[in-house]
C-alpha cells in the first residue's frame, strides 16, 4: 500500500535517489555495514533525537540528511541549522568526537549540500546525493576543493596579453569567493581559448589539483549538420547517470556560451556539481543572467582595436582593396602572427593600393 503522507512520499523519493547513487538504504533495526561501501541508515538515534538519515562510508559515519516534504521547496534552506545540529550530535553506538562533515537537506525534489571542510561552509543545490566513493575520496584529501582554490600560485604573465592576465586573475578571484558561475567576455581574436587553457592548467596542477575539467566546445556547426539528417525530436529529460555522476567534473568551461546555455543544454550544465565558466565575445542579457552577472572580464572589440590586438573594420576594408584583381592572397599580421585569406572585391580596373600597415604578403 502506497503511503500518501507528504513526508513519507519525500522519503520514498530520497531512498530511490540514494540507491541510484550507490547507497544501501537500511532501517535502524536492520543495520548491516558490510552490505555496501556506503550505507544510509534511516532514523538513526542521536543524543538530540533521531536523524532522518545518517550516512556511513566504510563503516564510518560521515554525514546526515534532513528530509522534508516537497512543500518546503526553496524554503528548505531554513532547516540548515537543524541538520547541522544532527551532524554535531553524538551518535548512538558510534564514537564521533567531531561533527559529521557532509550535510544534506532534501525534499526528494530539491537537495542541498554543505561540506563542513570548506573555508566558509555554505549550502549549494545538487542534482542528487554524491556517491559513497566520492565522499571517501574527499575524506582522504587534507583540504576540500574550495579550500585548495584559496591556494593558487602566482601567475606567470610571460607571453600573456594584459586582457588575458586580467581574465585569469579575476576568474581565480571568483573561484576563491566560491561564486558558482563566471563569465569571460573577450573579443574574437583576443585569445579566449588560450586564456581558458591557461586557467585549466592552473586548476589541474598542484596545489589546486582539480579532479576533472570539462571543456565544452561550440557545436553549432555539428548541430546544423545533424538537423539536415534527422527530424528534430522532443528532448528527453536529464536523469541521473551512475556512469556520469553529477560530481564527475569540478569545473566546466563553456565555449561560445551565448549559444550553449539554453533549453536542454542548460539542464545538462545544471546537472553537474561544478563551477561554470563561460567564454563569449557577444553576451546578451540572457547570458549575463545565466552567469548571475558575475563578469570577470569585459574586453570588447573596441578595446581590442585600441590595444592593437585586433584590426578595425576600416583597416580591413583597405586591406581587401589592396589585393590585385583575380588573385587570392594570404597575409599575416606582423605583430600578432594572425593569418587571413582575402581576395579582391574591387572593380576590375581600379588601381590596387599598398597593403595596409602591419601586414605583409606571403
Protein backbone atom coordinates (compact mmCIF):
# COMPACT_ATOMS: atom_id res chain seq x y z
CA UNK A 1 0.00 0.00 0.00
CA UNK A 2 1.40 3.40 -1.01
CA UNK A 3 1.88 5.82 1.88
CA UNK A 4 0.36 9.17 0.93
CA UNK A 5 1.84 11.13 3.84
CA UNK A 6 3.79 14.02 2.17
CA UNK A 7 6.92 13.49 4.26
CA UNK A 8 6.87 9.73 3.67
CA UNK A 9 6.48 10.34 -0.07
CA UNK A 10 9.55 12.59 0.10
CA UNK A 11 11.47 9.85 1.93
CA UNK A 12 10.47 7.33 -0.72
CA UNK A 13 11.97 9.66 -3.35
CA UNK A 14 15.09 10.18 -1.24
CA UNK A 15 15.50 6.42 -0.80
CA UNK A 16 15.32 5.95 -4.57
CA UNK A 17 17.85 8.72 -5.21
CA UNK A 18 20.25 7.29 -2.63
CA UNK A 19 20.05 3.86 -4.28
CA UNK A 20 20.68 5.44 -7.69
CA UNK A 21 23.85 6.99 -6.25
CA UNK A 22 25.10 3.65 -4.95
CA UNK A 23 23.94 3.73 -1.34
CA UNK A 24 22.38 0.81 0.54
CA UNK A 25 19.36 2.21 2.41
CA UNK A 26 18.63 0.44 5.70
CA UNK A 27 16.29 0.65 8.65
CA UNK A 28 17.84 1.39 12.05
CA UNK A 29 16.74 -2.04 13.30
CA UNK A 30 18.42 -3.90 10.45
CA UNK A 31 21.83 -2.29 10.12
CA UNK A 32 24.43 -4.21 8.12
CA UNK A 33 27.51 -2.12 7.40
CA UNK A 34 29.02 -4.93 5.33
CA UNK A 35 26.16 -4.71 2.79
CA UNK A 36 27.89 -1.97 0.76
CA UNK A 37 30.69 0.61 1.00
CA UNK A 38 28.03 3.30 1.51
CA UNK A 39 25.12 2.75 3.90
CA UNK A 40 22.32 5.23 4.65
CA UNK A 41 20.50 4.41 7.90
CA UNK A 42 17.01 5.80 8.48
CA UNK A 43 16.03 7.33 11.84
CA UNK A 44 19.46 6.83 13.38
CA UNK A 45 19.45 7.74 17.07
CA UNK A 46 21.50 10.69 18.37
CA UNK A 47 21.62 12.48 21.72
CA UNK A 48 19.30 15.18 20.30
CA UNK A 49 16.80 12.77 18.75
CA UNK A 50 16.70 10.58 15.64
CA UNK A 51 18.33 11.93 12.49
CA UNK A 52 16.32 11.23 9.33
CA UNK A 53 19.35 9.58 7.71
CA UNK A 54 22.95 9.06 8.82
CA UNK A 55 25.45 8.22 6.07
CA UNK A 56 28.23 5.70 6.66
CA UNK A 57 31.18 5.14 4.31
CA UNK A 58 33.35 2.10 5.02
CA UNK A 59 31.55 1.77 8.40
CA UNK A 60 32.47 5.36 9.37
CA UNK A 61 29.74 7.95 9.99
CA UNK A 62 30.36 10.83 7.57
CA UNK A 63 27.13 12.78 7.09
CA UNK A 64 23.43 13.33 7.69
CA UNK A 65 20.32 14.04 5.61
CA UNK A 66 17.41 16.11 6.88
CA UNK A 67 14.26 15.11 4.97
CA UNK A 68 11.32 17.44 4.40
CA UNK A 69 8.16 17.24 2.31
CA UNK A 70 8.11 18.70 -1.19
CA UNK A 71 6.00 21.63 0.03
CA UNK A 72 9.09 23.11 1.68
CA UNK A 73 10.53 23.89 -1.76
CA UNK A 74 13.24 26.53 -1.71
CA UNK A 75 12.47 27.20 1.97
CA UNK A 76 14.45 24.09 2.79
CA UNK A 77 17.48 26.31 3.41
CA UNK A 78 15.79 27.43 6.64
CA UNK A 79 16.35 24.00 8.22
CA UNK A 80 20.13 24.03 7.79
CA UNK A 81 20.63 24.76 11.50
CA UNK A 82 18.51 21.71 12.32
CA UNK A 83 20.51 19.39 10.06
CA UNK A 84 23.76 20.86 11.37
CA UNK A 85 22.54 20.08 14.88
CA UNK A 86 22.25 16.40 13.98
CA UNK A 87 25.68 16.49 12.34
CA UNK A 88 27.16 17.89 15.56
CA UNK A 89 25.28 15.48 17.84
CA UNK A 90 26.68 12.36 19.48
CA UNK A 91 25.57 9.23 17.64
CA UNK A 92 24.41 6.11 19.41
CA UNK A 93 26.83 3.16 19.10
CA UNK A 94 29.43 5.42 17.43
CA UNK A 95 32.32 7.33 18.97
CA UNK A 96 32.18 10.54 16.90
CA UNK A 97 34.18 13.28 18.60
CA UNK A 98 33.89 15.70 15.65
CA UNK A 99 30.81 16.95 13.76
CA UNK A 100 29.97 14.90 10.67
CA UNK A 101 31.41 16.64 7.62
CA UNK A 102 28.74 16.18 4.94
CA UNK A 103 25.26 17.66 5.47
CA UNK A 104 22.26 17.42 3.13
CA UNK A 105 18.71 18.77 3.19
CA UNK A 106 16.29 17.21 0.73
CA UNK A 107 12.64 17.10 -0.30
CA UNK A 108 13.28 14.39 -2.87
CA UNK A 109 12.93 17.12 -5.50
CA UNK A 110 15.37 19.75 -4.21
CA UNK A 111 18.58 18.69 -2.47
CA UNK A 112 21.13 20.99 -0.89
CA UNK A 113 24.60 20.07 0.30
CA UNK A 114 27.22 21.56 2.64
CA UNK A 115 30.83 20.42 3.04
CA UNK A 116 31.96 21.28 6.56
CA UNK A 117 35.62 21.35 5.48
CA UNK A 118 35.10 24.31 3.11
CA UNK A 119 36.76 27.57 4.26
CA UNK A 120 33.33 29.20 4.57
CA UNK A 121 30.81 26.34 4.56
CA UNK A 122 27.55 27.15 2.82
CA UNK A 123 24.97 25.02 1.08
CA UNK A 124 24.52 24.61 -2.65
CA UNK A 125 21.89 22.80 -4.68
CA UNK A 126 22.92 19.45 -6.15
CA UNK A 127 21.14 17.18 -8.64
CA UNK A 128 21.47 14.10 -6.43
CA UNK A 129 23.41 12.80 -3.45
CA UNK A 130 27.13 12.23 -4.00
CA UNK A 131 28.29 8.66 -4.41
CA UNK A 132 29.96 6.87 -1.45
CA UNK A 133 33.25 6.56 -3.32
CA UNK A 134 33.21 10.33 -3.92
CA UNK A 135 32.81 11.09 -0.22
CA UNK A 136 35.52 8.51 0.56
CA UNK A 137 37.90 10.28 -1.84
CA UNK A 138 37.12 13.69 -0.33
CA UNK A 139 37.74 12.32 3.17
CA UNK A 140 41.25 11.25 2.14
CA UNK A 141 42.16 14.74 0.95
CA UNK A 142 43.56 17.22 3.51
CA UNK A 143 41.54 20.10 2.01
CA UNK A 144 38.29 20.36 0.12
CA UNK A 145 38.33 21.70 -3.44
CA UNK A 146 37.12 25.08 -2.16
CA UNK A 147 39.95 25.06 0.34
CA UNK A 148 42.51 24.34 -2.37
CA UNK A 149 41.08 27.12 -4.55
CA UNK A 150 42.47 29.53 -1.98
CA UNK A 151 45.99 28.37 -2.85
CA UNK A 152 46.54 29.41 -6.47
CA UNK A 153 50.28 30.10 -7.04
CA UNK A 154 51.37 33.46 -8.54
CA UNK A 155 50.52 33.77 -12.24
CA UNK A 156 53.46 33.67 -14.66
CA UNK A 157 52.46 36.51 -17.01
CA UNK A 158 55.18 35.90 -19.60
CA UNK A 159 53.64 35.68 -23.07
CA UNK A 160 50.18 36.73 -21.89
CA UNK A 161 48.35 39.83 -23.06
CA UNK A 162 47.07 42.25 -20.46
CA UNK A 163 43.47 41.25 -21.20
CA UNK A 164 44.34 37.58 -20.61
CA UNK A 165 46.08 38.36 -17.33
CA UNK A 166 43.01 40.27 -16.18
CA UNK A 167 40.63 37.45 -17.14
CA UNK A 168 42.65 34.71 -15.42
CA UNK A 169 43.29 36.78 -12.30
CA UNK A 170 39.63 37.74 -11.92
CA UNK A 171 38.41 34.21 -12.64
CA UNK A 172 40.62 32.82 -9.90
CA UNK A 173 39.38 35.53 -7.53
CA UNK A 174 35.82 34.42 -8.37
CA UNK A 175 36.73 30.81 -7.51
CA UNK A 176 38.24 31.92 -4.20
CA UNK A 177 34.99 33.72 -3.37
CA UNK A 178 33.09 30.49 -4.19
CA UNK A 179 30.97 32.11 -6.89
CA UNK A 180 29.47 29.18 -8.84
CA UNK A 181 29.36 30.92 -12.25
CA UNK A 182 31.64 33.36 -14.04
CA UNK A 183 31.56 34.99 -17.48
CA UNK A 184 34.64 35.83 -19.56
CA UNK A 185 33.76 38.30 -22.31
CA UNK A 186 36.63 38.78 -24.75
CA UNK A 187 36.59 39.95 -28.35
CA UNK A 188 37.10 37.38 -31.08
CA UNK A 189 40.81 37.09 -31.82
CA UNK A 190 41.93 38.37 -28.42
CA UNK A 191 42.88 34.93 -27.08
CA UNK A 192 39.86 33.46 -25.25
CA UNK A 193 40.89 29.85 -25.88
CA UNK A 194 44.47 30.38 -24.70
CA UNK A 195 43.10 32.14 -21.63
CA UNK A 196 40.84 29.19 -20.87
CA UNK A 197 43.60 26.62 -21.38
CA UNK A 198 45.91 28.56 -19.07
CA UNK A 199 43.17 28.69 -16.43
CA UNK A 200 42.60 24.92 -16.81
CA UNK A 201 46.30 24.18 -16.42
CA UNK A 202 46.45 26.18 -13.19
CA UNK A 203 43.35 24.39 -11.86
CA UNK A 204 44.70 20.92 -12.63
CA UNK A 205 48.21 21.39 -11.27
CA UNK A 206 49.14 21.40 -7.59
CA UNK A 207 48.19 22.79 -5.15
CA UNK A 208 44.62 23.19 -6.50
CA UNK A 209 44.59 19.73 -8.12
CA UNK A 210 41.09 19.81 -9.58
CA UNK A 211 39.85 16.31 -10.38
CA UNK A 212 38.40 16.80 -13.88
CA UNK A 213 37.56 19.76 -16.11
CA UNK A 214 35.09 19.61 -18.98
CA UNK A 215 35.85 21.96 -21.90
CA UNK A 216 32.54 22.19 -23.74
CA UNK A 217 33.26 23.22 -27.34
CA UNK A 218 30.82 25.06 -29.56
CA UNK A 219 28.77 22.50 -31.50
CA UNK A 220 26.68 24.90 -33.59
CA UNK A 221 28.01 23.64 -36.91
CA UNK A 222 27.67 19.99 -35.91
CA UNK A 223 24.15 20.65 -34.73
CA UNK A 224 23.19 22.27 -38.03
CA UNK A 225 24.56 19.27 -39.94
CA UNK A 226 22.62 16.85 -37.72
CA UNK A 227 19.39 18.77 -38.32
CA UNK A 228 19.76 18.17 -42.04
CA UNK A 229 19.97 14.41 -41.47
CA UNK A 230 17.28 13.88 -38.86
CA UNK A 231 13.98 15.42 -37.91
CA UNK A 232 14.04 17.36 -34.63
CA UNK A 233 12.80 15.28 -31.71
CA UNK A 234 11.39 16.29 -28.35
CA UNK A 235 14.40 16.42 -25.98
CA UNK A 236 14.49 13.79 -23.25
CA UNK A 237 14.61 14.93 -19.61
CA UNK A 238 18.01 14.90 -17.92
CA UNK A 239 18.16 12.00 -15.44
CA UNK A 240 20.79 10.60 -13.10
CA UNK A 241 23.51 8.56 -14.78
CA UNK A 242 25.68 6.44 -12.48
CA UNK A 243 28.44 6.35 -15.12
CA UNK A 244 28.46 10.15 -15.32
CA UNK A 245 27.53 11.28 -11.79
CA UNK A 246 26.97 15.00 -11.10
CA UNK A 247 30.29 15.26 -9.23
CA UNK A 248 32.35 13.96 -12.18
CA UNK A 249 33.67 17.45 -13.11
CA UNK A 250 34.92 20.17 -10.78
CA UNK A 251 34.83 22.91 -13.43
CA UNK A 252 33.08 23.25 -16.80
CA UNK A 253 34.43 25.74 -19.38
CA UNK A 254 31.68 26.64 -21.89
CA UNK A 255 32.94 27.95 -25.22
CA UNK A 256 30.63 30.35 -27.11
CA UNK A 257 28.36 30.19 -24.10
CA UNK A 258 25.81 32.61 -25.59
CA UNK A 259 24.70 29.60 -27.69
CA UNK A 260 25.16 26.78 -25.17
CA UNK A 261 23.13 27.71 -22.10
CA UNK A 262 19.59 27.26 -23.35
CA UNK A 263 16.91 24.56 -23.32
CA UNK A 264 18.25 21.05 -22.74
CA UNK A 265 21.88 22.20 -22.68
CA UNK A 266 21.06 24.31 -19.64
CA UNK A 267 19.62 21.21 -17.93
CA UNK A 268 22.80 19.29 -18.75
CA UNK A 269 25.05 22.03 -17.35
CA UNK A 270 22.98 22.32 -14.17
CA UNK A 271 23.11 18.53 -13.70
CA UNK A 272 26.78 18.79 -12.68
CA UNK A 273 28.01 19.89 -9.26
CA UNK A 274 30.67 22.07 -10.87
CA UNK A 275 31.79 25.65 -11.28
CA UNK A 276 30.68 27.08 -14.64
CA UNK A 277 32.90 29.49 -16.59
CA UNK A 278 31.56 30.87 -19.88
CA UNK A 279 33.53 32.23 -22.85
CA UNK A 280 31.99 34.56 -25.41
CA UNK A 281 32.64 37.68 -27.44
CA UNK A 282 28.97 38.59 -27.72
CA UNK A 283 26.99 38.12 -24.49
CA UNK A 284 23.33 39.15 -24.35
CA UNK A 285 21.06 39.79 -21.38
CA UNK A 286 20.23 36.09 -21.08
CA UNK A 287 23.95 35.27 -20.95
CA UNK A 288 24.53 37.82 -18.21
CA UNK A 289 21.55 36.45 -16.30
CA UNK A 290 22.67 32.81 -16.51
CA UNK A 291 26.09 33.72 -15.11
CA UNK A 292 24.43 35.87 -12.42
CA UNK A 293 26.14 38.98 -13.78
CA UNK A 294 29.48 37.78 -12.42
CA UNK A 295 31.52 39.17 -15.34
CA UNK A 296 35.22 38.62 -14.64
CA UNK A 297 36.41 40.02 -17.98
CA UNK A 298 34.96 42.73 -20.23
CA UNK A 299 37.17 43.15 -23.29
CA UNK A 300 35.20 44.15 -26.36
CA UNK A 301 36.24 44.75 -29.96
CA UNK A 302 36.73 48.49 -29.44
CA UNK A 303 39.24 47.88 -26.64
CA UNK A 304 40.95 45.17 -28.67
CA UNK A 305 41.41 47.54 -31.62
CA UNK A 306 42.63 50.34 -29.35
CA UNK A 307 45.23 48.00 -27.85
CA UNK A 308 46.34 46.81 -31.29
CA UNK A 309 45.18 43.26 -30.58
CA UNK A 310 42.57 43.26 -33.36
CA UNK A 311 42.17 45.21 -36.62
CA UNK A 312 39.40 47.76 -37.09
CA UNK A 313 36.82 47.45 -39.87
CA UNK A 314 38.23 50.42 -41.80
CA UNK A 315 41.69 48.92 -41.86
CA UNK A 316 40.35 45.58 -43.05
CA UNK A 317 38.39 47.25 -45.87
CA UNK A 318 41.52 48.98 -47.12
CA UNK A 319 43.40 45.71 -46.81
CA UNK A 320 40.93 43.84 -49.01
CA UNK A 321 41.07 46.52 -51.73
CA UNK A 322 44.86 46.24 -51.77
CA UNK A 323 44.86 42.73 -53.24
CA UNK A 324 45.40 42.51 -57.05
CA UNK A 325 42.34 41.64 -59.16
CA UNK A 326 41.55 37.95 -59.71
CA UNK A 327 44.11 36.82 -57.16
CA UNK A 328 43.83 35.37 -53.70
CA UNK A 329 46.48 36.40 -51.26
CA UNK A 330 47.49 35.09 -47.83
CA UNK A 331 48.55 37.84 -45.45
CA UNK A 332 49.97 37.78 -41.98
CA UNK A 333 49.78 40.46 -39.31
CA UNK A 334 53.41 41.23 -38.41
CA UNK A 335 52.78 41.86 -34.71
CA UNK A 336 50.16 39.22 -33.98
CA UNK A 337 51.08 36.38 -36.34
CA UNK A 338 47.46 36.48 -37.49
CA UNK A 339 46.88 34.91 -40.92
CA UNK A 340 43.91 35.77 -43.15
CA UNK A 341 42.80 34.60 -46.60
CA UNK A 342 41.42 37.52 -48.67
CA UNK A 343 40.61 38.16 -52.32
CA UNK A 344 39.97 41.20 -54.50
CA UNK A 345 36.45 42.60 -54.29
CA UNK A 346 37.02 45.95 -56.02
CA UNK A 347 36.24 46.97 -59.59
CA UNK A 348 38.40 45.30 -62.28
CA UNK A 349 40.08 48.50 -63.46
CA UNK A 350 40.77 50.04 -60.05
CA UNK A 351 44.41 50.54 -59.13
CA UNK A 352 45.37 48.44 -56.11
CA UNK A 353 46.85 50.37 -53.23
CA UNK A 354 49.66 49.24 -50.96
CA UNK A 355 48.94 46.73 -48.23
CA UNK A 356 47.89 48.49 -45.06
CA UNK A 357 50.47 48.84 -42.33
CA UNK A 358 51.29 45.89 -40.07
CA UNK A 359 50.51 43.37 -42.82
CA UNK A 360 52.92 41.59 -45.16
CA UNK A 361 52.02 39.47 -48.19
CA UNK A 362 53.41 35.92 -48.03
